[in-house]
Amino acid sequence: MNCLKCFHPHQAHEFNKGGNSSLLRVGRCLIPGCECTQYVDKIEKIDEDLL
C-alpha cells in the first residue's frame, strides 16, 4: 500500500515501535528528499457487529 501523502509504499516509512495495535502505524518517509512526516493509509476499521 502507498501513503496518501507522498505515494511511497509503507515499507519506505520508518516503523514506530509503540504500544499501538495498528500494523501499519509507521512514521516519516525514509526516501531521500521526501518530506512526508507520517504515513497515511486509507484503511478504515470496520465494526464487526455491522457485518
C-alpha atoms as a PDB file:
ATOM      1  CA  MET A   1       0.000   0.000   0.000  1.00  0.00           C
ATOM      2  CA  ASN A   2       1.123   3.524  -0.705  1.00  0.00           C
ATOM      3  CA  CYS A   3       0.974   6.592   1.508  1.00  0.00           C
ATOM      4  CA  LEU A   4      -1.821   9.034   0.675  1.00  0.00           C
ATOM      5  CA  LYS A   5       0.568  11.967   1.306  1.00  0.00           C
ATOM      6  CA  CYS A   6       3.737  11.045  -0.599  1.00  0.00           C
ATOM      7  CA  PHE A   7       2.615   7.914  -2.523  1.00  0.00           C
ATOM      8  CA  HIS A   8       5.632   5.883  -1.352  1.00  0.00           C
ATOM      9  CA  PRO A   9       4.974   2.329  -0.073  1.00  0.00           C
ATOM     10  CA  HIS A  10       4.634   1.710   3.653  1.00  0.00           C
ATOM     11  CA  GLN A  11       7.938  -0.217   3.600  1.00  0.00           C
ATOM     12  CA  ALA A  12       9.725   3.077   2.790  1.00  0.00           C
ATOM     13  CA  HIS A  13       8.488   4.622   6.042  1.00  0.00           C
ATOM     14  CA  GLU A  14      10.057   4.392   9.477  1.00  0.00           C
ATOM     15  CA  PHE A  15       8.364   1.841  11.755  1.00  0.00           C
ATOM     16  CA  ASN A  16       7.141   3.284  15.071  1.00  0.00           C
ATOM     17  CA  LYS A  17       7.677   0.838  17.910  1.00  0.00           C
ATOM     18  CA  GLY A  18       4.795   1.941  20.068  1.00  0.00           C
ATOM     19  CA  GLY A  19       2.007   0.355  22.004  1.00  0.00           C
ATOM     20  CA  ASN A  20      -0.475   0.922  19.207  1.00  0.00           C
ATOM     21  CA  SER A  21      -2.167  -2.183  17.842  1.00  0.00           C
ATOM     22  CA  SER A  22      -2.160  -0.970  14.219  1.00  0.00           C
ATOM     23  CA  LEU A  23       0.147  -2.992  11.966  1.00  0.00           C
ATOM     24  CA  LEU A  24       0.549  -0.037   9.631  1.00  0.00           C
ATOM     25  CA  ARG A  25       1.449   2.563  12.263  1.00  0.00           C
ATOM     26  CA  VAL A  26       4.509   3.983  10.596  1.00  0.00           C
ATOM     27  CA  GLY A  27       6.187   7.370  10.729  1.00  0.00           C
ATOM     28  CA  ARG A  28       8.256   9.524   8.420  1.00  0.00           C
ATOM     29  CA  CYS A  29       9.305   8.523   4.923  1.00  0.00           C
ATOM     30  CA  LEU A  30      12.937   7.371   4.608  1.00  0.00           C
ATOM     31  CA  ILE A  31      13.262   8.197   0.876  1.00  0.00           C
ATOM     32  CA  PRO A  32      15.893  10.951   0.464  1.00  0.00           C
ATOM     33  CA  GLY A  33      14.264  14.277  -0.379  1.00  0.00           C
ATOM     34  CA  CYS A  34      10.782  13.240   0.756  1.00  0.00           C
ATOM     35  CA  GLU A  35       9.378  15.485   3.490  1.00  0.00           C
ATOM     36  CA  CYS A  36       6.459  13.241   4.473  1.00  0.00           C
ATOM     37  CA  THR A  37       6.374  13.031   8.278  1.00  0.00           C
ATOM     38  CA  GLN A  38       3.623  10.434   8.781  1.00  0.00           C
ATOM     39  CA  TYR A  39       2.358   7.528   6.723  1.00  0.00           C
ATOM     40  CA  VAL A  40      -1.351   7.837   5.990  1.00  0.00           C
ATOM     41  CA  ASP A  41      -3.387   4.863   4.800  1.00  0.00           C
ATOM     42  CA  LYS A  42      -6.977   4.633   3.660  1.00  0.00           C
ATOM     43  CA  ILE A  43      -7.850   1.545   5.693  1.00  0.00           C
ATOM     44  CA  GLU A  44     -10.836   2.103   7.924  1.00  0.00           C
ATOM     45  CA  LYS A  45     -11.699  -0.100  10.853  1.00  0.00           C
ATOM     46  CA  ILE A  46     -14.990  -1.896  10.347  1.00  0.00           C
ATOM     47  CA  ASP A  47     -17.113  -2.711  13.348  1.00  0.00           C
ATOM     48  CA  GLU A  48     -17.641  -6.495  13.355  1.00  0.00           C
ATOM     49  CA  ASP A  49     -21.194  -6.012  14.627  1.00  0.00           C
ATOM     50  CA  LEU A  50     -22.110  -4.258  11.381  1.00  0.00           C
ATOM     51  CA  LEU A  51     -21.033  -7.215   9.226  1.00  0.00           C
END
